[in-house]
Structures are given as C-alpha cells and as structure tokens.
C-alpha cells in the first residue's frame, strides 16, 4: 500500500487524497477473504491512516512497523474472528491511532517538515 501510494504520488502525479483513497480501497479489498464489506471498509480506513502517516513522516518503515505491531497484537491477543477485532483490540487500535495523530500534529507544529525530510 505504501509503495502504491508513493508511486501514484511521484510517478503518476496524483495528489494525496485520490492516491490514498485508491490504495486504501485496494488494501481493504485484499482483506475480502473475511467475507464482509464492513471488514473491507474498516481495513480501508486503517489503510488511509497508514497513507496519512506515510505522507506526514515520509517513512515506509514507520508504517510497516505499526502495521506489523497491530497484526502481532491481533494474533497474540486473539482479537476475534476477523479483521474488525474484539472490543479490547479496537480500544488498543483507537488509542494507537489517536496517539499517532496527536504526536504527528504536535511534531508538525514544532518542527518544519523540510528540516525533518532533510
């Protein structure tokens, strides 16, 4: 997903929103094996969050690490029957997303992105 978003932005000249929406929907569709449109939409929303983080931090490693850690938590804590997860896993996901958004916004206020991208 991150590679696709980056390619659409750089090589094809797409702006962030169309590139992120397209790759997020592809990311969600890759989870269709769970057989639920709701699972696809929830996963696509997660994909959009990953795309946003990629856009802000310009770090595919960060996005891949967060995705891996969320999958690890899902597996380790038996998060439910499908990608939507159970209550506690979703509390953890929501907390992770909220924390990452707050930290990203706060960091952006304090630092110039051009200095970060260096």
PDB file of N, CA and C in Angstrom:
ATOM      1  N   UNK A   1       0.818  -1.185   0.000  1.00  0.00           N
ATOM      2  CA  UNK A   1       0.000   0.000   0.000  1.00  0.00           C
ATOM      3  C   UNK A   1       0.867   1.255   0.000  1.00  0.00           C
ATOM      4  N   UNK A   2       1.856   1.286   0.858  1.00  0.00           N
ATOM      5  CA  UNK A   2       2.727   2.456   0.924  1.00  0.00           C
ATOM      6  C   UNK A   2       3.483   2.676  -0.368  1.00  0.00           C
ATOM      7  N   UNK A   3       3.940   1.581  -0.958  1.00  0.00           N
ATOM      8  CA  UNK A   3       4.654   1.695  -2.231  1.00  0.00           C
ATOM      9  C   UNK A   3       3.708   2.228  -3.302  1.00  0.00           C
ATOM     10  N   UNK A   4       2.472   1.729  -3.322  1.00  0.00           N
ATOM     11  CA  UNK A   4       1.495   2.183  -4.316  1.00  0.00           C
ATOM     12  C   UNK A   4       1.154   3.652  -4.157  1.00  0.00           C
ATOM     13  N   UNK A   5       0.952   4.085  -2.932  1.00  0.00           N
ATOM     14  CA  UNK A   5       0.657   5.495  -2.679  1.00  0.00           C
ATOM     15  C   UNK A   5       1.810   6.371  -3.143  1.00  0.00           C
ATOM     16  N   UNK A   6       3.016   5.972  -2.795  1.00  0.00           N
ATOM     17  CA  UNK A   6       4.203   6.742  -3.186  1.00  0.00           C
ATOM     18  C   UNK A   6       4.341   6.792  -4.706  1.00  0.00           C
ATOM     19  N   UNK A   7       4.126   5.656  -5.377  1.00  0.00           N
ATOM     20  CA  UNK A   7       4.251   5.624  -6.841  1.00  0.00           C
ATOM     21  C   UNK A   7       3.197   6.515  -7.499  1.00  0.00           C
ATOM     22  N   UNK A   8       1.974   6.438  -7.016  1.00  0.00           N
ATOM     23  CA  UNK A   8       0.921   7.271  -7.593  1.00  0.00           C
ATOM     24  C   UNK A   8       1.204   8.750  -7.375  1.00  0.00           C
ATOM     25  N   UNK A   9       1.778   9.089  -6.230  1.00  0.00           N
ATOM     26  CA  UNK A   9       2.091  10.491  -5.935  1.00  0.00           C
ATOM     27  C   UNK A   9       3.248  10.982  -6.798  1.00  0.00           C
ATOM     28  N   UNK A  10       4.298  10.212  -6.853  1.00  0.00           N
ATOM     29  CA  UNK A  10       5.519  10.681  -7.525  1.00  0.00           C
ATOM     30  C   UNK A  10       5.519  10.428  -9.022  1.00  0.00           C
ATOM     31  N   UNK A  11       5.238   9.210  -9.431  1.00  0.00           N
ATOM     32  CA  UNK A  11       5.348   8.867 -10.857  1.00  0.00           C
ATOM     33  C   UNK A  11       4.122   9.303 -11.664  1.00  0.00           C
ATOM     34  N   UNK A  12       2.943   9.117 -11.089  1.00  0.00           N
ATOM     35  CA  UNK A  12       1.721   9.437 -11.830  1.00  0.00           C
ATOM     36  C   UNK A  12       1.223  10.854 -11.562  1.00  0.00           C
ATOM     37  N   UNK A  13       1.795  11.523 -10.563  1.00  0.00           N
ATOM     38  CA  UNK A  13       1.419  12.903 -10.284  1.00  0.00           C
ATOM     39  C   UNK A  13       0.085  13.071  -9.580  1.00  0.00           C
ATOM     40  N   UNK A  14      -0.417  12.017  -8.941  1.00  0.00           N
ATOM     41  CA  UNK A  14      -1.681  12.123  -8.225  1.00  0.00           C
ATOM     42  C   UNK A  14      -1.484  12.955  -6.968  1.00  0.00           C
ATOM     43  N   UNK A  15      -2.535  13.658  -6.572  1.00  0.00           N
ATOM     44  CA  UNK A  15      -2.480  14.352  -5.284  1.00  0.00           C
ATOM     45  C   UNK A  15      -2.722  13.323  -4.172  1.00  0.00           C
ATOM     46  N   UNK A  16      -2.522  13.764  -2.930  1.00  0.00           N
ATOM     47  CA  UNK A  16      -2.598  12.828  -1.810  1.00  0.00           C
ATOM     48  C   UNK A  16      -3.946  12.132  -1.702  1.00  0.00           C
ATOM     49  N   UNK A  17      -5.033  12.886  -1.698  1.00  0.00           N
ATOM     50  CA  UNK A  17      -6.345  12.306  -1.423  1.00  0.00           C
ATOM     51  C   UNK A  17      -6.731  11.188  -2.405  1.00  0.00           C
ATOM     52  N   UNK A  18      -6.674  11.406  -3.728  1.00  0.00           N
ATOM     53  CA  UNK A  18      -7.015  10.301  -4.631  1.00  0.00           C
ATOM     54  C   UNK A  18      -6.076   9.101  -4.492  1.00  0.00           C
ATOM     55  N   UNK A  19      -4.787   9.357  -4.342  1.00  0.00           N
ATOM     56  CA  UNK A  19      -3.828   8.253  -4.195  1.00  0.00           C
ATOM     57  C   UNK A  19      -4.099   7.468  -2.925  1.00  0.00           C
ATOM     58  N   UNK A  20      -4.349   8.161  -1.834  1.00  0.00           N
ATOM     59  CA  UNK A  20      -4.603   7.492  -0.552  1.00  0.00           C
ATOM     60  C   UNK A  20      -5.926   6.730  -0.587  1.00  0.00           C
ATOM     61  N   UNK A  21      -6.960   7.329  -1.145  1.00  0.00           N
ATOM     62  CA  UNK A  21      -8.251   6.638  -1.219  1.00  0.00           C
ATOM     63  C   UNK A  21      -8.159   5.387  -2.083  1.00  0.00           C
ATOM     64  N   UNK A  22      -7.506   5.500  -3.233  1.00  0.00           N
ATOM     65  CA  UNK A  22      -7.383   4.351  -4.127  1.00  0.00           C
ATOM     66  C   UNK A  22      -6.609   3.219  -3.462  1.00  0.00           C
ATOM     67  N   UNK A  23      -5.437   3.523  -2.926  1.00  0.00           N
ATOM     68  CA  UNK A  23      -4.626   2.463  -2.330  1.00  0.00           C
ATOM     69  C   UNK A  23      -5.267   1.911  -1.056  1.00  0.00           C
ATOM     70  N   UNK A  24      -6.001   2.750  -0.334  1.00  0.00           N
ATOM     71  CA  UNK A  24      -6.696   2.274   0.864  1.00  0.00           C
ATOM     72  C   UNK A  24      -7.798   1.286   0.497  1.00  0.00           C
ATOM     73  N   UNK A  25      -8.514   1.578  -0.576  1.00  0.00           N
ATOM     74  CA  UNK A  25      -9.557   0.652  -1.018  1.00  0.00           C
ATOM     75  C   UNK A  25      -8.957  -0.664  -1.510  1.00  0.00           C
ATOM     76  N   UNK A  26      -7.821  -0.588  -2.182  1.00  0.00           N
ATOM     77  CA  UNK A  26      -7.128  -1.814  -2.596  1.00  0.00           C
ATOM     78  C   UNK A  26      -6.696  -2.598  -1.357  1.00  0.00           C
ATOM     79  N   UNK A  27      -6.123  -1.901  -0.383  1.00  0.00           N
ATOM     80  CA  UNK A  27      -5.696  -2.526   0.871  1.00  0.00           C
ATOM     81  C   UNK A  27      -6.884  -3.208   1.551  1.00  0.00           C
ATOM     82  N   UNK A  28      -8.011  -2.524   1.603  1.00  0.00           N
ATOM     83  CA  UNK A  28      -9.211  -3.115   2.194  1.00  0.00           C
ATOM     84  C   UNK A  28      -9.689  -4.325   1.412  1.00  0.00           C
ATOM     85  N   UNK A  29      -9.684  -4.219   0.079  1.00  0.00           N
ATOM     86  CA  UNK A  29     -10.135  -5.328  -0.762  1.00  0.00           C
ATOM     87  C   UNK A  29      -9.259  -6.565  -0.589  1.00  0.00           C
ATOM     88  N   UNK A  30      -7.988  -6.366  -0.273  1.00  0.00           N
ATOM     89  CA  UNK A  30      -7.106  -7.509  -0.037  1.00  0.00           C
ATOM     90  C   UNK A  30      -7.513  -8.294   1.203  1.00  0.00           C
ATOM     91  N   UNK A  31      -8.365  -7.725   2.023  1.00  0.00           N
ATOM     92  CA  UNK A  31      -8.855  -8.402   3.220  1.00  0.00           C
ATOM     93  C   UNK A  31     -10.258  -8.982   3.008  1.00  0.00           C
ATOM     94  N   UNK A  32     -10.688  -9.073   1.757  1.00  0.00           N
ATOM     95  CA  UNK A  32     -12.014  -9.597   1.440  1.00  0.00           C
ATOM     96  C   UNK A  32     -12.179 -11.056   1.873  1.00  0.00           C
ATOM     97  N   UNK A  33     -11.083 -11.756   2.034  1.00  0.00           N
ATOM     98  CA  UNK A  33     -11.178 -13.171   2.406  1.00  0.00           C
ATOM     99  C   UNK A  33     -11.978 -13.381   3.690  1.00  0.00           C
ATOM    100  N   UNK A  34     -12.180 -12.326   4.454  1.00  0.00           N
ATOM    101  CA  UNK A  34     -13.015 -12.433   5.643  1.00  0.00           C
ATOM    102  C   UNK A  34     -14.500 -12.366   5.286  1.00  0.00           C
ATOM    103  N   UNK A  35     -14.813 -12.013   4.039  1.00  0.00           N
ATOM    104  CA  UNK A  35     -16.178 -12.092   3.539  1.00  0.00           C
ATOM    105  C   UNK A  35     -17.151 -11.046   4.026  1.00  0.00           C
ATOM    106  N   UNK A  36     -16.676  -9.868   4.368  1.00  0.00           N
ATOM    107  CA  UNK A  36     -17.580  -8.843   4.877  1.00  0.00           C
ATOM    108  C   UNK A  36     -17.184  -7.481   4.324  1.00  0.00           C
ATOM    109  N   UNK A  37     -18.179  -6.757   3.831  1.00  0.00           N
ATOM    110  CA  UNK A  37     -17.935  -5.406   3.354  1.00  0.00           C
ATOM    111  C   UNK A  37     -17.464  -4.531   4.515  1.00  0.00           C
ATOM    112  N   UNK A  38     -17.994  -4.765   5.704  1.00  0.00           N
ATOM    113  CA  UNK A  38     -17.587  -3.993   6.878  1.00  0.00           C
ATOM    114  C   UNK A  38     -16.102  -4.177   7.156  1.00  0.00           C
ATOM    115  N   UNK A  39     -15.613  -5.399   7.057  1.00  0.00           N
ATOM    116  CA  UNK A  39     -14.185  -5.667   7.263  1.00  0.00           C
ATOM    117  C   UNK A  39     -13.355  -4.907   6.234  1.00  0.00           C
ATOM    118  N   UNK A  40     -13.795  -4.923   4.987  1.00  0.00           N
ATOM    119  CA  UNK A  40     -13.082  -4.198   3.926  1.00  0.00           C
ATOM    120  C   UNK A  40     -13.046  -2.712   4.233  1.00  0.00           C
ATOM    121  N   UNK A  41     -14.156  -2.135   4.656  1.00  0.00           N
ATOM    122  CA  UNK A  41     -14.210  -0.699   4.939  1.00  0.00           C
ATOM    123  C   UNK A  41     -13.366  -0.316   6.152  1.00  0.00           C
ATOM    124  N   UNK A  42     -13.413  -1.148   7.196  1.00  0.00           N
ATOM    125  CA  UNK A  42     -12.594  -0.870   8.385  1.00  0.00           C
ATOM    126  C   UNK A  42     -11.113  -0.953   8.020  1.00  0.00           C
ATOM    127  N   UNK A  43     -10.763  -1.971   7.248  1.00  0.00           N
ATOM    128  CA  UNK A  43      -9.367  -2.137   6.838  1.00  0.00           C
ATOM    129  C   UNK A  43      -8.943  -1.009   5.902  1.00  0.00           C
ATOM    130  N   UNK A  44      -9.831  -0.572   5.020  1.00  0.00           N
ATOM    131  CA  UNK A  44      -9.524   0.562   4.136  1.00  0.00           C
ATOM    132  C   UNK A  44      -9.297   1.832   4.946  1.00  0.00           C
ATOM    133  N   UNK A  45     -10.086   2.026   5.998  1.00  0.00           N
ATOM    134  CA  UNK A  45      -9.884   3.191   6.868  1.00  0.00           C
ATOM    135  C   UNK A  45      -8.509   3.130   7.527  1.00  0.00           C
ATOM    136  N   UNK A  46      -8.119   1.937   7.963  1.00  0.00           N
ATOM    137  CA  UNK A  46      -6.773   1.765   8.505  1.00  0.00           C
ATOM    138  C   UNK A  46      -5.720   2.055   7.460  1.00  0.00           C
ATOM    139  N   UNK A  47      -5.963   1.629   6.233  1.00  0.00           N
ATOM    140  CA  UNK A  47      -5.037   1.905   5.141  1.00  0.00           C
ATOM    141  C   UNK A  47      -4.889   3.394   4.876  1.00  0.00           C
ATOM    142  N   UNK A  48      -5.995   4.123   5.005  1.00  0.00           N
ATOM    143  CA  UNK A  48      -5.932   5.573   4.818  1.00  0.00           C
ATOM    144  C   UNK A  48      -5.089   6.212   5.918  1.00  0.00           C
ATOM    145  N   UNK A  49      -5.248   5.726   7.141  1.00  0.00           N
ATOM    146  CA  UNK A  49      -4.432   6.215   8.260  1.00  0.00           C
ATOM    147  C   UNK A  49      -2.957   5.947   7.983  1.00  0.00           C
ATOM    148  N   UNK A  50      -2.644   4.746   7.507  1.00  0.00           N
ATOM    149  CA  UNK A  50      -1.253   4.436   7.160  1.00  0.00           C
ATOM    150  C   UNK A  50      -0.741   5.382   6.068  1.00  0.00           C
ATOM    151  N   UNK A  51      -1.586   5.652   5.065  1.00  0.00           N
ATOM    152  CA  UNK A  51      -1.179   6.551   3.981  1.00  0.00           C
ATOM    153  C   UNK A  51      -0.925   7.960   4.517  1.00  0.00           C
ATOM    154  N   UNK A  52      -1.770   8.411   5.439  1.00  0.00           N
ATOM    155  CA  UNK A  52      -1.597   9.733   6.036  1.00  0.00           C
ATOM    156  C   UNK A  52      -0.277   9.804   6.798  1.00  0.00           C
ATOM    157  N   UNK A  53       0.005   8.758   7.586  1.00  0.00           N
ATOM    158  CA  UNK A  53       1.283   8.731   8.308  1.00  0.00           C
ATOM    159  C   UNK A  53       2.461   8.733   7.347  1.00  0.00           C
ATOM    160  N   UNK A  54       2.349   7.971   6.280  1.00  0.00           N
ATOM    161  CA  UNK A  54       3.411   7.940   5.280  1.00  0.00           C
ATOM    162  C   UNK A  54       3.622   9.324   4.674  1.00  0.00           C
ATOM    163  N   UNK A  55       2.550  10.003   4.386  1.00  0.00           N
ATOM    164  CA  UNK A  55       2.637  11.352   3.809  1.00  0.00           C
ATOM    165  C   UNK A  55       3.306  12.326   4.780  1.00  0.00           C
ATOM    166  N   UNK A  56       2.960  12.236   6.047  1.00  0.00           N
ATOM    167  CA  UNK A  56       3.494  13.168   7.039  1.00  0.00           C
ATOM    168  C   UNK A  56       4.933  12.869   7.439  1.00  0.00           C
ATOM    169  N   UNK A  57       5.260  11.591   7.620  1.00  0.00           N
ATOM    170  CA  UNK A  57       6.580  11.221   8.131  1.00  0.00           C
ATOM    171  C   UNK A  57       7.559  10.815   7.031  1.00  0.00           C
ATOM    172  N   UNK A  58       7.033  10.526   5.828  1.00  0.00           N
ATOM    173  CA  UNK A  58       7.873  10.054   4.720  1.00  0.00           C
ATOM    174  C   UNK A  58       8.724   8.867   5.145  1.00  0.00           C
ATOM    175  N   UNK A  59       8.103   7.953   5.884  1.00  0.00           N
ATOM    176  CA  UNK A  59       8.812   6.781   6.388  1.00  0.00           C
ATOM    177  C   UNK A  59       7.951   5.538   6.203  1.00  0.00           C
ATOM    178  N   UNK A  60       8.292   4.754   5.209  1.00  0.00           N
ATOM    179  CA  UNK A  60       7.599   3.497   4.996  1.00  0.00           C
ATOM    180  C   UNK A  60       7.909   2.522   6.132  1.00  0.00           C
ATOM    181  N   UNK A  61       9.099   2.639   6.717  1.00  0.00           N
ATOM    182  CA  UNK A  61       9.470   1.777   7.838  1.00  0.00           C
ATOM    183  C   UNK A  61       8.515   1.998   9.017  1.00  0.00           C
ATOM    184  N   UNK A  62       8.176   3.245   9.312  1.00  0.00           N
ATOM    185  CA  UNK A  62       7.233   3.548  10.393  1.00  0.00           C
ATOM    186  C   UNK A  62       5.896   2.885  10.128  1.00  0.00           C
ATOM    187  N   UNK A  63       5.385   3.042   8.922  1.00  0.00           N
ATOM    188  CA  UNK A  63       4.079   2.483   8.566  1.00  0.00           C
ATOM    189  C   UNK A  63       4.111   0.956   8.632  1.00  0.00           C
ATOM    190  N   UNK A  64       5.152   0.353   8.090  1.00  0.00           N
ATOM    191  CA  UNK A  64       5.261  -1.104   8.116  1.00  0.00           C
ATOM    192  C   UNK A  64       5.384  -1.622   9.552  1.00  0.00           C
ATOM    193  N   UNK A  65       6.105  -0.907  10.390  1.00  0.00           N
ATOM    194  CA  UNK A  65       6.266  -1.310  11.785  1.00  0.00           C
ATOM    195  C   UNK A  65       4.932  -1.254  12.523  1.00  0.00           C
ATOM    196  N   UNK A  66       4.190  -0.165  12.350  1.00  0.00           N
ATOM    197  CA  UNK A  66       2.882  -0.058  13.000  1.00  0.00           C
ATOM    198  C   UNK A  66       1.929  -1.151  12.522  1.00  0.00           C
ATOM    199  N   UNK A  67       1.936  -1.418  11.224  1.00  0.00           N
ATOM    200  CA  UNK A  67       1.074  -2.470  10.687  1.00  0.00           C
ATOM    201  C   UNK A  67       1.467  -3.821  11.275  1.00  0.00           C
ATOM    202  N   UNK A  68       2.754  -4.094  11.316  1.00  0.00           N
ATOM    203  CA  UNK A  68       3.228  -5.351  11.890  1.00  0.00           C
ATOM    204  C   UNK A  68       2.878  -5.494  13.359  1.00  0.00           C
ATOM    205  N   UNK A  69       3.031  -4.420  14.121  1.00  0.00           N
ATOM    206  CA  UNK A  69       2.701  -4.464  15.545  1.00  0.00           C
ATOM    207  C   UNK A  69       1.201  -4.660  15.770  1.00  0.00           C
ATOM    208  N   UNK A  70       0.384  -4.039  14.931  1.00  0.00           N
ATOM    209  CA  UNK A  70      -1.059  -4.241  15.071  1.00  0.00           C
ATOM    210  C   UNK A  70      -1.443  -5.672  14.720  1.00  0.00           C
ATOM    211  N   UNK A  71      -0.826  -6.232  13.673  1.00  0.00           N
ATOM    212  CA  UNK A  71      -1.090  -7.635  13.342  1.00  0.00           C
ATOM    213  C   UNK A  71      -0.599  -8.564  14.446  1.00  0.00           C
ATOM    214  N   UNK A  72       0.540  -8.247  15.030  1.00  0.00           N
ATOM    215  CA  UNK A  72       1.075  -9.044  16.132  1.00  0.00           C
ATOM    216  C   UNK A  72       0.130  -9.012  17.336  1.00  0.00           C
ATOM    217  N   UNK A  73      -0.373  -7.832  17.671  1.00  0.00           N
ATOM    218  CA  UNK A  73      -1.323  -7.713  18.785  1.00  0.00           C
ATOM    219  C   UNK A  73      -2.587  -8.505  18.489  1.00  0.00           C
ATOM    220  N   UNK A  74      -3.068  -8.440  17.260  1.00  0.00           N
ATOM    221  CA  UNK A  74      -4.272  -9.180  16.867  1.00  0.00           C
ATOM    222  C   UNK A  74      -4.068 -10.676  17.076  1.00  0.00           C
ATOM    223  N   UNK A  75      -2.908 -11.162  16.643  1.00  0.00           N
ATOM    224  CA  UNK A  75      -2.609 -12.588  16.771  1.00  0.00           C
ATOM    225  C   UNK A  75      -2.346 -12.980  18.221  1.00  0.00           C
ATOM    226  N   UNK A  76      -1.557 -12.207  18.919  1.00  0.00           N
ATOM    227  CA  UNK A  76      -1.164 -12.544  20.293  1.00  0.00           C
ATOM    228  C   UNK A  76      -2.342 -12.516  21.260  1.00  0.00           C
ATOM    229  N   UNK A  77      -3.267 -11.598  21.046  1.00  0.00           N
ATOM    230  CA  UNK A  77      -4.380 -11.449  21.973  1.00  0.00           C
ATOM    231  C   UNK A  77      -5.693 -12.005  21.420  1.00  0.00           C
ATOM    232  N   UNK A  78      -5.596 -12.818  20.377  1.00  0.00           N
ATOM    233  CA  UNK A  78      -6.770 -13.473  19.797  1.00  0.00           C
ATOM    234  C   UNK A  78      -7.898 -12.467  19.595  1.00  0.00           C
ATOM    235  N   UNK A  79      -7.643 -11.524  18.693  1.00  0.00           N
ATOM    236  CA  UNK A  79      -8.504 -10.361  18.525  1.00  0.00           C
ATOM    237  C   UNK A  79      -9.873 -10.581  17.960  1.00  0.00           C
ATOM    238  N   UNK A  80     -10.268 -11.784  17.691  1.00  0.00           N
ATOM    239  CA  UNK A  80     -11.605 -12.024  17.183  1.00  0.00           C
ATOM    240  C   UNK A  80     -11.571 -12.899  15.948  1.00  0.00           C
ATOM    241  N   UNK A  81     -12.719 -13.022  15.312  1.00  0.00           N
ATOM    242  CA  UNK A  81     -12.862 -13.913  14.167  1.00  0.00           C
ATOM    243  C   UNK A  81     -12.402 -13.305  12.845  1.00  0.00           C
ATOM    244  N   UNK A  82     -12.321 -11.967  12.778  1.00  0.00           N
ATOM    245  CA  UNK A  82     -11.915 -11.328  11.529  1.00  0.00           C
ATOM    246  C   UNK A  82     -11.185 -10.017  11.838  1.00  0.00           C
ATOM    247  N   UNK A  83     -10.875  -9.267  10.807  1.00  0.00           N
ATOM    248  CA  UNK A  83     -10.046  -8.070  10.954  1.00  0.00           C
ATOM    249  C   UNK A  83     -10.704  -6.951  11.754  1.00  0.00           C
ATOM    250  N   UNK A  84     -12.009  -7.037  12.008  1.00  0.00           N
ATOM    251  CA  UNK A  84     -12.634  -5.992  12.813  1.00  0.00           C
ATOM    252  C   UNK A  84     -12.223  -6.102  14.275  1.00  0.00           C
ATOM    253  N   UNK A  85     -11.889  -7.296  14.730  1.00  0.00           N
ATOM    254  CA  UNK A  85     -11.376  -7.483  16.083  1.00  0.00           C
ATOM    255  C   UNK A  85     -12.446  -7.418  17.155  1.00  0.00           C
ATOM    256  N   UNK A  86     -12.001  -7.637  18.388  1.00  0.00           N
ATOM    257  CA  UNK A  86     -12.922  -7.575  19.518  1.00  0.00           C
ATOM    258  C   UNK A  86     -12.825  -6.204  20.192  1.00  0.00           C
ATOM    259  N   UNK A  87     -13.561  -6.036  21.273  1.00  0.00           N
ATOM    260  CA  UNK A  87     -13.630  -4.737  21.949  1.00  0.00           C
ATOM    261  C   UNK A  87     -12.264  -4.242  22.404  1.00  0.00           C
ATOM    262  N   UNK A  88     -11.498  -5.073  23.107  1.00  0.00           N
ATOM    263  CA  UNK A  88     -10.225  -4.631  23.667  1.00  0.00           C
ATOM    264  C   UNK A  88      -9.204  -4.332  22.577  1.00  0.00           C
ATOM    265  N   UNK A  89      -9.214  -5.137  21.530  1.00  0.00           N
ATOM    266  CA  UNK A  89      -8.295  -4.870  20.430  1.00  0.00           C
ATOM    267  C   UNK A  89      -8.637  -3.541  19.761  1.00  0.00           C
ATOM    268  N   UNK A  90      -9.912  -3.248  19.620  1.00  0.00           N
ATOM    269  CA  UNK A  90     -10.310  -1.987  18.996  1.00  0.00           C
ATOM    270  C   UNK A  90     -10.037  -0.790  19.893  1.00  0.00           C
ATOM    271  N   UNK A  91     -10.099  -0.992  21.194  1.00  0.00           N
ATOM    272  CA  UNK A  91      -9.692   0.076  22.108  1.00  0.00           C
ATOM    273  C   UNK A  91      -8.208   0.360  21.912  1.00  0.00           C
ATOM    274  N   UNK A  92      -7.410  -0.695  21.803  1.00  0.00           N
ATOM    275  CA  UNK A  92      -5.975  -0.528  21.550  1.00  0.00           C
ATOM    276  C   UNK A  92      -5.697   0.128  20.210  1.00  0.00           C
ATOM    277  N   UNK A  93      -6.410  -0.284  19.173  1.00  0.00           N
ATOM    278  CA  UNK A  93      -6.240   0.325  17.846  1.00  0.00           C
ATOM    279  C   UNK A  93      -6.596   1.802  17.884  1.00  0.00           C
ATOM    280  N   UNK A  94      -7.733   2.110  18.482  1.00  0.00           N
ATOM    281  CA  UNK A  94      -8.176   3.503  18.562  1.00  0.00           C
ATOM    282  C   UNK A  94      -7.160   4.348  19.319  1.00  0.00           C
ATOM    283  N   UNK A  95      -6.645   3.803  20.407  1.00  0.00           N
ATOM    284  CA  UNK A  95      -5.622   4.520  21.172  1.00  0.00           C
ATOM    285  C   UNK A  95      -4.356   4.741  20.366  1.00  0.00           C
ATOM    286  N   UNK A  96      -3.947   3.725  19.612  1.00  0.00           N
ATOM    287  CA  UNK A  96      -2.755   3.843  18.773  1.00  0.00           C
ATOM    288  C   UNK A  96      -2.949   4.906  17.702  1.00  0.00           C
ATOM    289  N   UNK A  97      -4.092   4.873  17.053  1.00  0.00           N
ATOM    290  CA  UNK A  97      -4.382   5.856  16.004  1.00  0.00           C
ATOM    291  C   UNK A  97      -4.436   7.259  16.593  1.00  0.00           C
ATOM    292  N   UNK A  98      -5.148   7.422  17.706  1.00  0.00           N
ATOM    293  CA  UNK A  98      -5.260   8.744  18.334  1.00  0.00           C
ATOM    294  C   UNK A  98      -3.891   9.265  18.758  1.00  0.00           C
ATOM    295  N   UNK A  99      -3.099   8.416  19.394  1.00  0.00           N
ATOM    296  CA  UNK A  99      -1.765   8.828  19.828  1.00  0.00           C
ATOM    297  C   UNK A  99      -0.891   9.217  18.644  1.00  0.00           C
ATOM    298  N   UNK A 100      -0.937   8.436  17.572  1.00  0.00           N
ATOM    299  CA  UNK A 100      -0.104   8.752  16.408  1.00  0.00           C
ATOM    300  C   UNK A 100      -0.529  10.063  15.752  1.00  0.00           C
ATOM    301  N   UNK A 101      -1.820  10.332  15.710  1.00  0.00           N
ATOM    302  CA  UNK A 101      -2.307  11.585  15.121  1.00  0.00           C
ATOM    303  C   UNK A 101      -1.890  12.772  15.986  1.00  0.00           C
ATOM    304  N   UNK A 102      -2.088  12.661  17.294  1.00  0.00           N
ATOM    305  CA  UNK A 102      -1.717  13.752  18.201  1.00  0.00           C
ATOM    306  C   UNK A 102      -0.217  14.026  18.126  1.00  0.00           C
ATOM    307  N   UNK A 103       0.593  12.970  18.192  1.00  0.00           N
ATOM    308  CA  UNK A 103       2.047  13.167  18.137  1.00  0.00           C
ATOM    309  C   UNK A 103       2.488  13.753  16.797  1.00  0.00           C
ATOM    310  N   UNK A 104       1.871  13.311  15.723  1.00  0.00           N
ATOM    311  CA  UNK A 104       2.222  13.834  14.399  1.00  0.00           C
ATOM    312  C   UNK A 104       1.863  15.308  14.288  1.00  0.00           C
ATOM    313  N   UNK A 105       0.672  15.675  14.719  1.00  0.00           N
ATOM    314  CA  UNK A 105       0.241  17.074  14.643  1.00  0.00           C
ATOM    315  C   UNK A 105       1.113  17.953  15.543  1.00  0.00           C
ATOM    316  N   UNK A 106       1.394  17.481  16.754  1.00  0.00           N
ATOM    317  CA  UNK A 106       2.246  18.270  17.670  1.00  0.00           C
ATOM    318  C   UNK A 106       3.652  18.426  17.111  1.00  0.00           C
ATOM    319  N   UNK A 107       4.193  17.351  16.548  1.00  0.00           N
ATOM    320  CA  UNK A 107       5.530  17.418  15.974  1.00  0.00           C
ATOM    321  C   UNK A 107       5.553  18.404  14.809  1.00  0.00           C
ATOM    322  N   UNK A 108       4.516  18.384  14.017  1.00  0.00           N
ATOM    323  CA  UNK A 108       4.457  19.279  12.862  1.00  0.00           C
ATOM    324  C   UNK A 108       4.423  20.739  13.287  1.00  0.00           C
ATOM    325  N   UNK A 109       3.736  21.023  14.366  1.00  0.00           N
ATOM    326  CA  UNK A 109       3.683  22.401  14.851  1.00  0.00           C
ATOM    327  C   UNK A 109       5.048  22.886  15.314  1.00  0.00           C
ATOM    328  N   UNK A 110       5.843  21.984  15.887  1.00  0.00           N
ATOM    329  CA  UNK A 110       7.127  22.372  16.469  1.00  0.00           C
ATOM    330  C   UNK A 110       8.287  22.336  15.485  1.00  0.00           C
ATOM    331  N   UNK A 111       8.164  21.550  14.430  1.00  0.00           N
ATOM    332  CA  UNK A 111       9.289  21.360  13.511  1.00  0.00           C
ATOM    333  C   UNK A 111       8.844  21.597  12.076  1.00  0.00           C
ATOM    334  N   UNK A 112       9.744  22.096  11.313  1.00  0.00           N
ATOM    335  CA  UNK A 112       9.499  22.253   9.893  1.00  0.00           C
ATOM    336  C   UNK A 112       9.650  20.891   9.235  1.00  0.00           C
ATOM    337  N   UNK A 113       8.711  20.529   8.365  1.00  0.00           N
ATOM    338  CA  UNK A 113       8.811  19.245   7.686  1.00  0.00           C
ATOM    339  C   UNK A 113      10.012  19.206   6.759  1.00  0.00           C
ATOM    340  N   UNK A 114      10.405  20.339   6.218  1.00  0.00           N
ATOM    341  CA  UNK A 114      11.582  20.333   5.333  1.00  0.00           C
ATOM    342  C   UNK A 114      12.836  19.982   6.128  1.00  0.00           C
ATOM    343  N   UNK A 115      12.885  20.401   7.394  1.00  0.00           N
ATOM    344  CA  UNK A 115      14.040  20.048   8.224  1.00  0.00           C
ATOM    345  C   UNK A 115      14.027  18.566   8.566  1.00  0.00           C
ATOM    346  N   UNK A 116      12.831  18.001   8.749  1.00  0.00           N
ATOM    347  CA  UNK A 116      12.713  16.573   9.058  1.00  0.00           C
ATOM    348  C   UNK A 116      13.094  15.737   7.852  1.00  0.00           C
ATOM    349  N   UNK A 117      12.591  16.134   6.690  1.00  0.00           N
ATOM    350  CA  UNK A 117      12.853  15.376   5.460  1.00  0.00           C
ATOM    351  C   UNK A 117      14.311  15.492   5.043  1.00  0.00           C
ATOM    352  N   UNK A 118      14.954  16.562   5.497  1.00  0.00           N
ATOM    353  CA  UNK A 118      16.348  16.833   5.367  1.00  0.00           C
ATOM    354  C   UNK A 118      17.078  16.562   4.184  1.00  0.00           C
TER     355      UNK A 118
END
